[in-house]
Amino acid sequence: KYISWGATHAVICLSEDQRVRGYKAIRYMDKHYQALGSDA
């Protein structure tokens, strides 16, 4: 939906406790989209 609105890039910045709530989104994006860069 956001892509259809015009989103070009997704940014994820999660602590370990937040990754529990965001793991579905991370798994979906890892499967369908290219990760350009990462950091910790």
PDB file of all heavy atoms in Angstrom:
ATOM      1  N   LYS A   1       0.841  -1.203   0.000  1.00  0.00           N
ATOM      2  CA  LYS A   1       0.000   0.000   0.000  1.00  0.00           C
ATOM      3  C   LYS A   1       0.871   1.247   0.000  1.00  0.00           C
ATOM      4  O   LYS A   1       0.627   2.183  -0.774  1.00  0.00           O
ATOM      5  CB  LYS A   1      -0.907  -0.017   1.221  1.00  0.00           C
ATOM      6  CG  LYS A   1      -1.777   1.225   1.369  1.00  0.00           C
ATOM      7  CD  LYS A   1      -2.666   1.117   2.610  1.00  0.00           C
ATOM      8  CE  LYS A   1      -1.852   1.101   3.893  1.00  0.00           C
ATOM      9  NZ  LYS A   1      -2.706   1.087   5.102  1.00  0.00           N
ATOM     10  N   TYR A   2       1.894   1.269   0.835  1.00  0.00           N
ATOM     11  CA  TYR A   2       2.766   2.435   0.883  1.00  0.00           C
ATOM     12  C   TYR A   2       3.573   2.582  -0.399  1.00  0.00           C
ATOM     13  O   TYR A   2       3.855   3.705  -0.845  1.00  0.00           O
ATOM     14  CB  TYR A   2       3.690   2.363   2.097  1.00  0.00           C
ATOM     15  CG  TYR A   2       3.011   2.749   3.378  1.00  0.00           C
ATOM     16  CD1 TYR A   2       2.520   1.781   4.258  1.00  0.00           C
ATOM     17  CD2 TYR A   2       2.846   4.085   3.710  1.00  0.00           C
ATOM     18  CE1 TYR A   2       1.881   2.141   5.432  1.00  0.00           C
ATOM     19  CE2 TYR A   2       2.210   4.455   4.892  1.00  0.00           C
ATOM     20  CZ  TYR A   2       1.726   3.480   5.744  1.00  0.00           C
ATOM     21  OH  TYR A   2       1.090   3.840   6.895  1.00  0.00           O
ATOM     22  N   ILE A   3       3.942   1.465  -0.999  1.00  0.00           N
ATOM     23  CA  ILE A   3       4.642   1.534  -2.279  1.00  0.00           C
ATOM     24  C   ILE A   3       3.736   2.158  -3.336  1.00  0.00           C
ATOM     25  O   ILE A   3       4.167   2.993  -4.144  1.00  0.00           O
ATOM     26  CB  ILE A   3       5.108   0.132  -2.714  1.00  0.00           C
ATOM     27  CG1 ILE A   3       6.195  -0.385  -1.758  1.00  0.00           C
ATOM     28  CG2 ILE A   3       5.634   0.160  -4.147  1.00  0.00           C
ATOM     29  CD1 ILE A   3       6.610  -1.812  -2.022  1.00  0.00           C
ATOM     30  N   SER A   4       2.460   1.789  -3.311  1.00  0.00           N
ATOM     31  CA  SER A   4       1.521   2.364  -4.287  1.00  0.00           C
ATOM     32  C   SER A   4       1.330   3.858  -4.064  1.00  0.00           C
ATOM     33  O   SER A   4       1.022   4.606  -4.984  1.00  0.00           O
ATOM     34  CB  SER A   4       0.168   1.648  -4.197  1.00  0.00           C
ATOM     35  OG  SER A   4      -0.510   1.969  -2.983  1.00  0.00           O
ATOM     36  N   TRP A   5       1.552   4.311  -2.827  1.00  0.00           N
ATOM     37  CA  TRP A   5       1.437   5.745  -2.526  1.00  0.00           C
ATOM     38  C   TRP A   5       2.691   6.514  -2.932  1.00  0.00           C
ATOM     39  O   TRP A   5       2.649   7.735  -3.034  1.00  0.00           O
ATOM     40  CB  TRP A   5       1.187   5.953  -1.038  1.00  0.00           C
ATOM     41  CG  TRP A   5      -0.161   5.501  -0.570  1.00  0.00           C
ATOM     42  CD1 TRP A   5      -1.237   5.176  -1.341  1.00  0.00           C
ATOM     43  CD2 TRP A   5      -0.556   5.306   0.791  1.00  0.00           C
ATOM     44  NE1 TRP A   5      -2.296   4.787  -0.565  1.00  0.00           N
ATOM     45  CE2 TRP A   5      -1.912   4.871   0.765  1.00  0.00           C
ATOM     46  CE3 TRP A   5       0.068   5.462   2.016  1.00  0.00           C
ATOM     47  CZ2 TRP A   5      -2.633   4.590   1.913  1.00  0.00           C
ATOM     48  CZ3 TRP A   5      -0.642   5.190   3.171  1.00  0.00           C
ATOM     49  CH2 TRP A   5      -1.984   4.755   3.120  1.00  0.00           C
ATOM     50  N   GLY A   6       3.807   5.798  -3.105  1.00  0.00           N
ATOM     51  CA  GLY A   6       5.018   6.474  -3.539  1.00  0.00           C
ATOM     52  C   GLY A   6       6.253   6.188  -2.720  1.00  0.00           C
ATOM     53  O   GLY A   6       7.313   6.765  -2.988  1.00  0.00           O
ATOM     54  N   ALA A   7       6.183   5.295  -1.725  1.00  0.00           N
ATOM     55  CA  ALA A   7       7.361   4.971  -0.931  1.00  0.00           C
ATOM     56  C   ALA A   7       8.412   4.302  -1.801  1.00  0.00           C
ATOM     57  O   ALA A   7       8.110   3.375  -2.558  1.00  0.00           O
ATOM     58  CB  ALA A   7       6.989   4.070   0.237  1.00  0.00           C
ATOM     59  N   THR A   8       9.660   4.765  -1.704  1.00  0.00           N
ATOM     60  CA  THR A   8      10.743   4.199  -2.505  1.00  0.00           C
ATOM     61  C   THR A   8      11.721   3.375  -1.679  1.00  0.00           C
ATOM     62  O   THR A   8      12.408   2.509  -2.221  1.00  0.00           O
ATOM     63  CB  THR A   8      11.525   5.323  -3.204  1.00  0.00           C
ATOM     64  OG1 THR A   8      12.090   6.205  -2.215  1.00  0.00           O
ATOM     65  CG2 THR A   8      10.609   6.125  -4.132  1.00  0.00           C
ATOM     66  N   HIS A   9      11.815   3.656  -0.364  1.00  0.00           N
ATOM     67  CA  HIS A   9      12.752   2.948   0.492  1.00  0.00           C
ATOM     68  C   HIS A   9      12.123   2.730   1.861  1.00  0.00           C
ATOM     69  O   HIS A   9      11.323   3.547   2.328  1.00  0.00           O
ATOM     70  CB  HIS A   9      14.057   3.735   0.667  1.00  0.00           C
ATOM     71  CG  HIS A   9      14.828   3.901  -0.600  1.00  0.00           C
ATOM     72  ND1 HIS A   9      14.495   4.845  -1.552  1.00  0.00           N
ATOM     73  CD2 HIS A   9      15.936   3.252  -1.067  1.00  0.00           C
ATOM     74  CE1 HIS A   9      15.347   4.771  -2.562  1.00  0.00           C
ATOM     75  NE2 HIS A   9      16.235   3.814  -2.294  1.00  0.00           N
ATOM     76  N   ALA A  10      12.491   1.615   2.482  1.00  0.00           N
ATOM     77  CA  ALA A  10      12.039   1.322   3.839  1.00  0.00           C
ATOM     78  C   ALA A  10      13.244   1.319   4.773  1.00  0.00           C
ATOM     79  O   ALA A  10      14.313   0.797   4.416  1.00  0.00           O
ATOM     80  CB  ALA A  10      11.339  -0.026   3.896  1.00  0.00           C
ATOM     81  N   VAL A  11      13.083   1.907   5.946  1.00  0.00           N
ATOM     82  CA  VAL A  11      14.148   1.976   6.943  1.00  0.00           C
ATOM     83  C   VAL A  11      13.666   1.280   8.203  1.00  0.00           C
ATOM     84  O   VAL A  11      12.571   1.556   8.694  1.00  0.00           O
ATOM     85  CB  VAL A  11      14.528   3.431   7.263  1.00  0.00           C
ATOM     86  CG1 VAL A  11      15.668   3.456   8.283  1.00  0.00           C
ATOM     87  CG2 VAL A  11      14.933   4.175   6.000  1.00  0.00           C
ATOM     88  N   ILE A  12      14.500   0.386   8.712  1.00  0.00           N
ATOM     89  CA  ILE A  12      14.191  -0.310   9.958  1.00  0.00           C
ATOM     90  C   ILE A  12      15.296   0.012  10.956  1.00  0.00           C
ATOM     91  O   ILE A  12      16.484  -0.102  10.645  1.00  0.00           O
ATOM     92  CB  ILE A  12      14.101  -1.824   9.746  1.00  0.00           C
ATOM     93  CG1 ILE A  12      12.903  -2.161   8.845  1.00  0.00           C
ATOM     94  CG2 ILE A  12      13.951  -2.542  11.073  1.00  0.00           C
ATOM     95  CD1 ILE A  12      12.765  -3.633   8.558  1.00  0.00           C
ATOM     96  N   CYS A  13      14.908   0.428  12.145  1.00  0.00           N
ATOM     97  CA  CYS A  13      15.872   0.724  13.210  1.00  0.00           C
ATOM     98  C   CYS A  13      15.275   0.194  14.505  1.00  0.00           C
ATOM     99  O   CYS A  13      14.489   0.867  15.166  1.00  0.00           O
ATOM    100  CB  CYS A  13      16.135   2.226  13.294  1.00  0.00           C
ATOM    101  SG  CYS A  13      17.280   2.699  14.596  1.00  0.00           S
ATOM    102  N   LEU A  14      15.645  -1.033  14.863  1.00  0.00           N
ATOM    103  CA  LEU A  14      14.980  -1.715  15.968  1.00  0.00           C
ATOM    104  C   LEU A  14      15.974  -2.224  17.003  1.00  0.00           C
ATOM    105  O   LEU A  14      17.040  -2.747  16.664  1.00  0.00           O
ATOM    106  CB  LEU A  14      14.178  -2.915  15.440  1.00  0.00           C
ATOM    107  CG  LEU A  14      13.156  -2.653  14.324  1.00  0.00           C
ATOM    108  CD1 LEU A  14      12.529  -3.961  13.886  1.00  0.00           C
ATOM    109  CD2 LEU A  14      12.102  -1.681  14.805  1.00  0.00           C
ATOM    110  N   SER A  15      15.607  -2.066  18.261  1.00  0.00           N
ATOM    111  CA  SER A  15      16.347  -2.727  19.325  1.00  0.00           C
ATOM    112  C   SER A  15      15.922  -4.188  19.359  1.00  0.00           C
ATOM    113  O   SER A  15      14.944  -4.583  18.696  1.00  0.00           O
ATOM    114  CB  SER A  15      16.064  -2.048  20.668  1.00  0.00           C
ATOM    115  OG  SER A  15      14.678  -2.113  20.961  1.00  0.00           O
ATOM    116  N   GLU A  16      16.631  -4.986  20.143  1.00  0.00           N
ATOM    117  CA  GLU A  16      16.328  -6.417  20.161  1.00  0.00           C
ATOM    118  C   GLU A  16      14.908  -6.688  20.636  1.00  0.00           C
ATOM    119  O   GLU A  16      14.216  -7.565  20.114  1.00  0.00           O
ATOM    120  CB  GLU A  16      17.339  -7.144  21.054  1.00  0.00           C
ATOM    121  CG  GLU A  16      18.753  -7.178  20.490  1.00  0.00           C
ATOM    122  CD  GLU A  16      18.817  -7.867  19.131  1.00  0.00           C
ATOM    123  OE1 GLU A  16      18.059  -8.825  18.899  1.00  0.00           O
ATOM    124  OE2 GLU A  16      19.628  -7.431  18.296  1.00  0.00           O
ATOM    125  N   ASP A  17      14.423  -5.940  21.643  1.00  0.00           N
ATOM    126  CA  ASP A  17      13.070  -6.164  22.120  1.00  0.00           C
ATOM    127  C   ASP A  17      12.026  -5.732  21.095  1.00  0.00           C
ATOM    128  O   ASP A  17      10.938  -6.302  21.025  1.00  0.00           O
ATOM    129  CB  ASP A  17      12.844  -5.428  23.439  1.00  0.00           C
ATOM    130  CG  ASP A  17      13.071  -3.934  23.306  1.00  0.00           C
ATOM    131  OD1 ASP A  17      14.133  -3.550  22.783  1.00  0.00           O
ATOM    132  OD2 ASP A  17      12.204  -3.153  23.727  1.00  0.00           O
ATOM    133  N   GLN A  18      12.359  -4.748  20.267  1.00  0.00           N
ATOM    134  CA  GLN A  18      11.421  -4.316  19.242  1.00  0.00           C
ATOM    135  C   GLN A  18      11.409  -5.268  18.045  1.00  0.00           C
ATOM    136  O   GLN A  18      10.414  -5.356  17.332  1.00  0.00           O
ATOM    137  CB  GLN A  18      11.773  -2.906  18.774  1.00  0.00           C
ATOM    138  CG  GLN A  18      11.524  -1.836  19.820  1.00  0.00           C
ATOM    139  CD  GLN A  18      12.078  -0.484  19.414  1.00  0.00           C
ATOM    140  OE1 GLN A  18      12.983  -0.395  18.584  1.00  0.00           O
ATOM    141  NE2 GLN A  18      11.543   0.566  20.016  1.00  0.00           N
ATOM    142  N   ARG A  19      12.501  -5.984  17.838  1.00  0.00           N
ATOM    143  CA  ARG A  19      12.568  -6.918  16.702  1.00  0.00           C
ATOM    144  C   ARG A  19      11.540  -8.027  16.834  1.00  0.00           C
ATOM    145  O   ARG A  19      11.094  -8.603  15.844  1.00  0.00           O
ATOM    146  CB  ARG A  19      13.978  -7.506  16.588  1.00  0.00           C
ATOM    147  CG  ARG A  19      15.000  -6.510  16.051  1.00  0.00           C
ATOM    148  CD  ARG A  19      16.400  -7.088  16.077  1.00  0.00           C
ATOM    149  NE  ARG A  19      16.527  -8.218  15.158  1.00  0.00           N
ATOM    150  CZ  ARG A  19      16.813  -8.102  13.873  1.00  0.00           C
ATOM    151  NH1 ARG A  19      16.999  -6.906  13.348  1.00  0.00           N
ATOM    152  NH2 ARG A  19      16.933  -9.168  13.111  1.00  0.00           N
ATOM    153  N   VAL A  20      11.147  -8.332  18.067  1.00  0.00           N
ATOM    154  CA  VAL A  20      10.113  -9.356  18.263  1.00  0.00           C
ATOM    155  C   VAL A  20       8.816  -8.925  17.606  1.00  0.00           C
ATOM    156  O   VAL A  20       8.112  -9.714  16.978  1.00  0.00           O
ATOM    157  CB  VAL A  20       9.900  -9.611  19.772  1.00  0.00           C
ATOM    158  CG1 VAL A  20       8.738 -10.567  19.997  1.00  0.00           C
ATOM    159  CG2 VAL A  20      11.175 -10.159  20.393  1.00  0.00           C
ATOM    160  N   ARG A  21       8.498  -7.617  17.734  1.00  0.00           N
ATOM    161  CA  ARG A  21       7.269  -7.113  17.128  1.00  0.00           C
ATOM    162  C   ARG A  21       7.430  -6.799  15.644  1.00  0.00           C
ATOM    163  O   ARG A  21       6.442  -6.685  14.932  1.00  0.00           O
ATOM    164  CB  ARG A  21       6.815  -5.846  17.869  1.00  0.00           C
ATOM    165  CG  ARG A  21       6.256  -6.111  19.254  1.00  0.00           C
ATOM    166  CD  ARG A  21       5.974  -4.815  19.985  1.00  0.00           C
ATOM    167  NE  ARG A  21       7.208  -4.206  20.486  1.00  0.00           N
ATOM    168  CZ  ARG A  21       7.255  -3.019  21.057  1.00  0.00           C
ATOM    169  NH1 ARG A  21       6.155  -2.292  21.174  1.00  0.00           N
ATOM    170  NH2 ARG A  21       8.400  -2.536  21.506  1.00  0.00           N
ATOM    171  N   GLY A  22       8.669  -6.669  15.191  1.00  0.00           N
ATOM    172  CA  GLY A  22       8.869  -6.306  13.800  1.00  0.00           C
ATOM    173  C   GLY A  22       9.402  -7.424  12.926  1.00  0.00           C
ATOM    174  O   GLY A  22       9.720  -7.194  11.758  1.00  0.00           O
ATOM    175  N   TYR A  23       9.461  -8.658  13.461  1.00  0.00           N
ATOM    176  CA  TYR A  23      10.128  -9.718  12.707  1.00  0.00           C
ATOM    177  C   TYR A  23       9.387 -10.088  11.429  1.00  0.00           C
ATOM    178  O   TYR A  23       9.995 -10.460  10.424  1.00  0.00           O
ATOM    179  CB  TYR A  23      10.327 -10.952  13.587  1.00  0.00           C
ATOM    180  CG  TYR A  23       9.110 -11.844  13.715  1.00  0.00           C
ATOM    181  CD1 TYR A  23       8.940 -12.956  12.886  1.00  0.00           C
ATOM    182  CD2 TYR A  23       8.121 -11.566  14.653  1.00  0.00           C
ATOM    183  CE1 TYR A  23       7.822 -13.777  13.010  1.00  0.00           C
ATOM    184  CE2 TYR A  23       7.006 -12.368  14.776  1.00  0.00           C
ATOM    185  CZ  TYR A  23       6.855 -13.476  13.951  1.00  0.00           C
ATOM    186  OH  TYR A  23       5.741 -14.271  14.072  1.00  0.00           O
ATOM    187  N   LYS A  24       8.039  -9.997  11.436  1.00  0.00           N
ATOM    188  CA  LYS A  24       7.286 -10.344  10.222  1.00  0.00           C
ATOM    189  C   LYS A  24       7.625  -9.388   9.079  1.00  0.00           C
ATOM    190  O   LYS A  24       7.809  -9.818   7.934  1.00  0.00           O
ATOM    191  CB  LYS A  24       5.787 -10.306  10.509  1.00  0.00           C
ATOM    192  CG  LYS A  24       5.295 -11.436  11.398  1.00  0.00           C
ATOM    193  CD  LYS A  24       3.781 -11.377  11.546  1.00  0.00           C
ATOM    194  CE  LYS A  24       3.279 -12.537  12.418  1.00  0.00           C
ATOM    195  NZ  LYS A  24       1.806 -12.485  12.590  1.00  0.00           N
ATOM    196  N   ALA A  25       7.715  -8.105   9.399  1.00  0.00           N
ATOM    197  CA  ALA A  25       8.060  -7.136   8.368  1.00  0.00           C
ATOM    198  C   ALA A  25       9.477  -7.371   7.851  1.00  0.00           C
ATOM    199  O   ALA A  25       9.735  -7.295   6.644  1.00  0.00           O
ATOM    200  CB  ALA A  25       7.924  -5.722   8.922  1.00  0.00           C
ATOM    201  N   ILE A  26      10.405  -7.668   8.783  1.00  0.00           N
ATOM    202  CA  ILE A  26      11.789  -7.915   8.374  1.00  0.00           C
ATOM    203  C   ILE A  26      11.871  -9.144   7.474  1.00  0.00           C
ATOM    204  O   ILE A  26      12.542  -9.127   6.433  1.00  0.00           O
ATOM    205  CB  ILE A  26      12.683  -8.101   9.621  1.00  0.00           C
ATOM    206  CG1 ILE A  26      12.695  -6.820  10.453  1.00  0.00           C
ATOM    207  CG2 ILE A  26      14.092  -8.491   9.211  1.00  0.00           C
ATOM    208  CD1 ILE A  26      13.386  -6.968  11.787  1.00  0.00           C
ATOM    209  N   ARG A  27      11.178 -10.215   7.853  1.00  0.00           N
ATOM    210  CA  ARG A  27      11.200 -11.444   7.063  1.00  0.00           C
ATOM    211  C   ARG A  27      10.613 -11.216   5.673  1.00  0.00           C
ATOM    212  O   ARG A  27      11.149 -11.692   4.670  1.00  0.00           O
ATOM    213  CB  ARG A  27      10.414 -12.530   7.794  1.00  0.00           C
ATOM    214  CG  ARG A  27      10.506 -13.911   7.134  1.00  0.00           C
ATOM    215  CD  ARG A  27       9.849 -14.958   7.994  1.00  0.00           C
ATOM    216  NE  ARG A  27       8.419 -14.669   8.192  1.00  0.00           N
ATOM    217  CZ  ARG A  27       7.632 -15.414   8.956  1.00  0.00           C
ATOM    218  NH1 ARG A  27       8.128 -16.453   9.625  1.00  0.00           N
ATOM    219  NH2 ARG A  27       6.353 -15.115   9.084  1.00  0.00           N
ATOM    220  N   TYR A  28       9.531 -10.447   5.622  1.00  0.00           N
ATOM    221  CA  TYR A  28       8.889 -10.168   4.328  1.00  0.00           C
ATOM    222  C   TYR A  28       9.820  -9.343   3.442  1.00  0.00           C
ATOM    223  O   TYR A  28       9.985  -9.636   2.246  1.00  0.00           O
ATOM    224  CB  TYR A  28       7.577  -9.420   4.550  1.00  0.00           C
ATOM    225  CG  TYR A  28       6.812  -9.157   3.274  1.00  0.00           C
ATOM    226  CD1 TYR A  28       5.920 -10.103   2.755  1.00  0.00           C
ATOM    227  CD2 TYR A  28       6.980  -7.964   2.580  1.00  0.00           C
ATOM    228  CE1 TYR A  28       5.230  -9.861   1.583  1.00  0.00           C
ATOM    229  CE2 TYR A  28       6.289  -7.715   1.407  1.00  0.00           C
ATOM    230  CZ  TYR A  28       5.406  -8.660   0.919  1.00  0.00           C
ATOM    231  OH  TYR A  28       4.714  -8.416  -0.256  1.00  0.00           O
ATOM    232  N   MET A  29      10.456  -8.336   4.006  1.00  0.00           N
ATOM    233  CA  MET A  29      11.319  -7.487   3.192  1.00  0.00           C
ATOM    234  C   MET A  29      12.587  -8.211   2.767  1.00  0.00           C
ATOM    235  O   MET A  29      13.084  -8.017   1.659  1.00  0.00           O
ATOM    236  CB  MET A  29      11.635  -6.191   3.947  1.00  0.00           C
ATOM    237  CG  MET A  29      10.486  -5.199   3.867  1.00  0.00           C
ATOM    238  SD  MET A  29      10.865  -3.556   4.498  1.00  0.00           S
ATOM    239  CE  MET A  29      10.577  -3.825   6.231  1.00  0.00           C
ATOM    240  N   ASP A  30      13.137  -9.042   3.636  1.00  0.00           N
ATOM    241  CA  ASP A  30      14.313  -9.822   3.254  1.00  0.00           C
ATOM    242  C   ASP A  30      14.001 -10.745   2.075  1.00  0.00           C
ATOM    243  O   ASP A  30      14.879 -11.009   1.238  1.00  0.00           O
ATOM    244  CB  ASP A  30      14.799 -10.655   4.441  1.00  0.00           C
ATOM    245  CG  ASP A  30      15.597  -9.829   5.446  1.00  0.00           C
ATOM    246  OD1 ASP A  30      16.093  -8.752   5.065  1.00  0.00           O
ATOM    247  OD2 ASP A  30      15.715 -10.266   6.610  1.00  0.00           O
ATOM    248  N   LYS A  31      12.776 -11.212   2.019  1.00  0.00           N
ATOM    249  CA  LYS A  31      12.392 -12.152   0.965  1.00  0.00           C
ATOM    250  C   LYS A  31      12.126 -11.448  -0.361  1.00  0.00           C
ATOM    251  O   LYS A  31      12.470 -11.977  -1.430  1.00  0.00           O
ATOM    252  CB  LYS A  31      11.147 -12.923   1.402  1.00  0.00           C
ATOM    253  CG  LYS A  31      10.659 -13.933   0.372  1.00  0.00           C
ATOM    254  CD  LYS A  31       9.452 -14.698   0.900  1.00  0.00           C
ATOM    255  CE  LYS A  31       8.957 -15.731  -0.125  1.00  0.00           C
ATOM    256  NZ  LYS A  31       7.764 -16.454   0.375  1.00  0.00           N
ATOM    257  N   HIS A  32      11.531 -10.260  -0.321  1.00  0.00           N
ATOM    258  CA  HIS A  32      11.058  -9.623  -1.544  1.00  0.00           C
ATOM    259  C   HIS A  32      11.868  -8.414  -2.001  1.00  0.00           C
ATOM    260  O   HIS A  32      11.767  -8.018  -3.175  1.00  0.00           O
ATOM    261  CB  HIS A  32       9.600  -9.194  -1.379  1.00  0.00           C
ATOM    262  CG  HIS A  32       8.644 -10.335  -1.225  1.00  0.00           C
ATOM    263  ND1 HIS A  32       8.295 -10.854   0.007  1.00  0.00           N
ATOM    264  CD2 HIS A  32       7.972 -11.060  -2.138  1.00  0.00           C
ATOM    265  CE1 HIS A  32       7.436 -11.848  -0.158  1.00  0.00           C
ATOM    266  NE2 HIS A  32       7.213 -11.998  -1.447  1.00  0.00           N
ATOM    267  N   TYR A  33      12.676  -7.814  -1.098  1.00  0.00           N
ATOM    268  CA  TYR A  33      13.329  -6.565  -1.468  1.00  0.00           C
ATOM    269  C   TYR A  33      14.813  -6.596  -1.129  1.00  0.00           C
ATOM    270  O   TYR A  33      15.258  -7.365  -0.268  1.00  0.00           O
ATOM    271  CB  TYR A  33      12.655  -5.377  -0.764  1.00  0.00           C
ATOM    272  CG  TYR A  33      11.209  -5.237  -1.155  1.00  0.00           C
ATOM    273  CD1 TYR A  33      10.204  -5.724  -0.319  1.00  0.00           C
ATOM    274  CD2 TYR A  33      10.849  -4.679  -2.369  1.00  0.00           C
ATOM    275  CE1 TYR A  33       8.871  -5.633  -0.681  1.00  0.00           C
ATOM    276  CE2 TYR A  33       9.515  -4.582  -2.745  1.00  0.00           C
ATOM    277  CZ  TYR A  33       8.532  -5.061  -1.901  1.00  0.00           C
ATOM    278  OH  TYR A  33       7.219  -4.981  -2.272  1.00  0.00           O
ATOM    279  N   GLN A  34      15.559  -5.743  -1.813  1.00  0.00           N
ATOM    280  CA  GLN A  34      16.996  -5.719  -1.689  1.00  0.00           C
ATOM    281  C   GLN A  34      17.428  -4.818  -0.540  1.00  0.00           C
ATOM    282  O   GLN A  34      17.049  -3.648  -0.465  1.00  0.00           O
ATOM    283  CB  GLN A  34      17.613  -5.192  -2.993  1.00  0.00           C
ATOM    284  CG  GLN A  34      19.121  -5.123  -2.983  1.00  0.00           C
ATOM    285  CD  GLN A  34      19.753  -6.515  -2.922  1.00  0.00           C
ATOM    286  OE1 GLN A  34      19.317  -7.434  -3.601  1.00  0.00           O
ATOM    287  NE2 GLN A  34      20.780  -6.664  -2.094  1.00  0.00           N
ATOM    288  N   ALA A  35      18.233  -5.372   0.372  1.00  0.00           N
ATOM    289  CA  ALA A  35      18.813  -4.563   1.442  1.00  0.00           C
ATOM    290  C   ALA A  35      20.030  -3.834   0.893  1.00  0.00           C
ATOM    291  O   ALA A  35      20.967  -4.449   0.384  1.00  0.00           O
ATOM    292  CB  ALA A  35      19.204  -5.442   2.616  1.00  0.00           C
ATOM    293  N   LEU A  36      20.018  -2.501   0.973  1.00  0.00           N
ATOM    294  CA  LEU A  36      21.104  -1.703   0.412  1.00  0.00           C
ATOM    295  C   LEU A  36      22.249  -1.512   1.402  1.00  0.00           C
ATOM    296  O   LEU A  36      23.402  -1.355   1.005  1.00  0.00           O
ATOM    297  CB  LEU A  36      20.573  -0.325  -0.008  1.00  0.00           C
ATOM    298  CG  LEU A  36      19.464  -0.313  -1.055  1.00  0.00           C
ATOM    299  CD1 LEU A  36      19.031   1.122  -1.334  1.00  0.00           C
ATOM    300  CD2 LEU A  36      19.922  -0.985  -2.337  1.00  0.00           C
ATOM    301  N   GLY A  37      21.937  -1.476   2.676  1.00  0.00           N
ATOM    302  CA  GLY A  37      22.963  -1.256   3.677  1.00  0.00           C
ATOM    303  C   GLY A  37      22.443  -1.564   5.055  1.00  0.00           C
ATOM    304  O   GLY A  37      21.230  -1.674   5.274  1.00  0.00           O
ATOM    305  N   SER A  38      23.349  -1.706   6.007  1.00  0.00           N
ATOM    306  CA  SER A  38      22.949  -2.025   7.370  1.00  0.00           C
ATOM    307  C   SER A  38      23.985  -1.472   8.338  1.00  0.00           C
ATOM    308  O   SER A  38      25.102  -1.129   7.960  1.00  0.00           O
ATOM    309  CB  SER A  38      22.785  -3.538   7.563  1.00  0.00           C
ATOM    310  OG  SER A  38      24.018  -4.196   7.331  1.00  0.00           O
ATOM    311  N   ASP A  39      23.596  -1.401   9.605  1.00  0.00           N
ATOM    312  CA  ASP A  39      24.490  -0.905  10.641  1.00  0.00           C
ATOM    313  C   ASP A  39      23.960  -1.398  11.979  1.00  0.00           C
ATOM    314  O   ASP A  39      22.821  -1.869  12.086  1.00  0.00           O
ATOM    315  CB  ASP A  39      24.540   0.629  10.614  1.00  0.00           C
ATOM    316  CG  ASP A  39      25.770   1.175  11.327  1.00  0.00           C
ATOM    317  OD1 ASP A  39      26.538   0.373  11.884  1.00  0.00           O
ATOM    318  OD2 ASP A  39      25.944   2.403  11.322  1.00  0.00           O
ATOM    319  N   ALA A  40      24.776  -1.311  12.994  1.00  0.00           N
ATOM    320  CA  ALA A  40      24.360  -1.650  14.353  1.00  0.00           C
ATOM    321  C   ALA A  40      24.959  -0.610  15.285  1.00  0.00           C
ATOM    322  O   ALA A  40      26.173  -0.386  15.283  1.00  0.00           O
ATOM    323  CB  ALA A  40      24.830  -3.052  14.735  1.00  0.00           C
TER     324      ALA A  40
END
